[in-house]
Amino acid sequence: MASAATITDASFKSEVYESDQLVLVDFWAEWCEPCRALSPILDDVARELQGQIKIVKLDVDSNPSTADAFGVKSIPTLILFKNGKPAERIVGLRSTQELVPRLRAHTL
């Protein structure tokens, strides 16, 4: 299983707004311990929801414009986009068991 694709302020529009599937954006930073702990959990989520959701990562230090545009003040923050619009925001470290049902609800 490949890890989540990395996106930037420049690629956000094409990767998220213009995507024809659900996109979960992981707003994170390299120095953030909970963010690093979330990475393998997101790999599990990707396996569970394979073909139903695309997961991408956006480094808030390198890409502050997008983080600011969505009011991301605390990381990790996950924002699920459906049809190019934010559908759900989850702040903080969460388990696979908590994330999968919350995200799966948007695939129905």
Protein backbone atom coordinates (compact mmCIF):
# COMPACT_ATOMS: atom_id res chain seq x y z
CA MET A 1 0.00 0.00 0.00
CA ALA A 2 1.46 3.32 -1.04
CA SER A 3 1.49 6.09 1.51
CA ALA A 4 -0.73 9.12 1.10
CA ALA A 5 0.20 11.46 -1.74
CA THR A 6 1.77 14.77 -0.76
CA ILE A 7 0.04 17.87 -2.06
CA THR A 8 0.92 21.57 -1.96
CA ASP A 9 -0.88 24.90 -2.04
CA ALA A 10 -0.31 24.83 -5.81
CA SER A 11 -1.76 21.34 -6.38
CA PHE A 12 -4.64 21.62 -3.88
CA LYS A 13 -7.19 22.75 -6.47
CA SER A 14 -6.54 19.88 -8.90
CA GLU A 15 -6.07 17.20 -6.21
CA VAL A 16 -8.97 18.16 -3.94
CA TYR A 17 -11.48 20.60 -5.45
CA GLU A 18 -11.47 18.92 -8.86
CA SER A 19 -11.37 15.31 -7.62
CA ASP A 20 -14.29 13.09 -8.57
CA GLN A 21 -13.98 11.12 -5.33
CA LEU A 22 -13.94 11.80 -1.60
CA VAL A 23 -10.62 13.32 -0.52
CA LEU A 24 -9.31 13.27 3.04
CA VAL A 25 -6.68 15.98 3.56
CA ASP A 26 -4.25 15.42 6.42
CA PHE A 27 -2.92 18.81 7.56
CA TRP A 28 0.33 17.95 9.33
CA ALA A 29 3.96 18.96 10.02
CA GLU A 30 7.17 16.95 10.29
CA TRP A 31 7.85 18.08 13.89
CA CYS A 32 4.37 17.05 15.12
CA GLU A 33 4.48 13.73 17.05
CA PRO A 34 0.70 13.09 16.88
CA CYS A 35 0.87 13.78 13.12
CA ARG A 36 3.56 11.13 12.69
CA ALA A 37 1.55 8.70 14.84
CA LEU A 38 -1.48 9.30 12.59
CA SER A 39 0.36 8.29 9.41
CA PRO A 40 0.14 4.47 9.86
CA ILE A 41 -3.47 4.88 11.02
CA LEU A 42 -4.27 6.66 7.76
CA ASP A 43 -2.60 3.80 5.86
CA ASP A 44 -5.03 1.43 7.64
CA VAL A 45 -7.96 3.72 6.79
CA ALA A 46 -6.85 3.76 3.14
CA ARG A 47 -6.83 -0.05 3.09
CA GLU A 48 -10.29 -0.26 4.72
CA LEU A 49 -11.80 2.31 2.35
CA GLN A 50 -9.81 1.42 -0.76
CA GLY A 51 -11.48 2.75 -3.89
CA GLN A 52 -13.88 4.91 -1.86
CA ILE A 53 -11.58 7.67 -0.65
CA LYS A 54 -8.31 9.36 -1.60
CA ILE A 55 -6.00 10.42 1.23
CA VAL A 56 -3.49 13.24 0.75
CA LYS A 57 -1.10 15.06 3.08
CA LEU A 58 -0.43 18.80 3.20
CA ASP A 59 2.54 20.08 5.24
CA VAL A 60 1.28 23.24 6.98
CA ASP A 61 4.79 24.68 7.38
CA SER A 62 5.53 24.50 3.66
CA ASN A 63 1.97 25.34 2.56
CA PRO A 64 0.54 27.92 4.98
CA SER A 65 -1.94 29.48 2.53
CA THR A 66 -4.21 26.44 2.32
CA ALA A 67 -4.01 25.77 6.06
CA ASP A 68 -4.92 29.41 6.75
CA ALA A 69 -7.77 29.33 4.22
CA PHE A 70 -9.39 26.46 6.15
CA GLY A 71 -8.65 27.88 9.60
CA VAL A 72 -6.35 25.04 10.62
CA LYS A 73 -4.99 26.11 14.01
CA SER A 74 -4.16 22.71 15.50
CA ILE A 75 -2.56 19.68 13.89
CA PRO A 76 -3.19 17.02 12.99
CA THR A 77 -6.41 18.19 11.36
CA LEU A 78 -8.24 16.01 8.86
CA ILE A 79 -10.76 17.60 6.51
CA LEU A 80 -12.89 15.39 4.30
CA PHE A 81 -13.91 16.96 1.00
CA LYS A 82 -16.97 15.74 -0.87
CA ASN A 83 -17.68 17.24 -4.29
CA GLY A 84 -14.91 19.77 -3.65
CA LYS A 85 -16.45 21.06 -0.40
CA PRO A 86 -15.50 20.38 3.23
CA ALA A 87 -17.86 17.73 4.59
CA GLU A 88 -16.24 16.86 7.91
CA ARG A 89 -13.37 18.09 10.10
CA ILE A 90 -11.60 15.88 12.61
CA VAL A 91 -8.97 17.46 14.87
CA GLY A 92 -6.39 15.47 16.79
CA LEU A 93 -5.09 11.92 16.78
CA ARG A 94 -7.85 9.36 16.20
CA SER A 95 -7.87 5.58 15.87
CA THR A 96 -8.67 3.57 12.75
CA GLN A 97 -11.75 2.27 14.58
CA GLU A 98 -13.02 5.83 15.06
CA LEU A 99 -12.09 7.20 11.64
CA VAL A 100 -13.40 4.44 9.35
CA PRO A 101 -17.09 4.64 10.40
CA ARG A 102 -17.06 8.45 10.34
CA LEU A 103 -15.59 8.51 6.86
CA ARG A 104 -17.59 5.55 5.56
CA ALA A 105 -20.80 7.45 6.41
CA HIS A 106 -19.91 9.91 3.64
CA THR A 107 -19.53 7.16 1.04
CA LEU A 108 -23.14 6.02 1.27
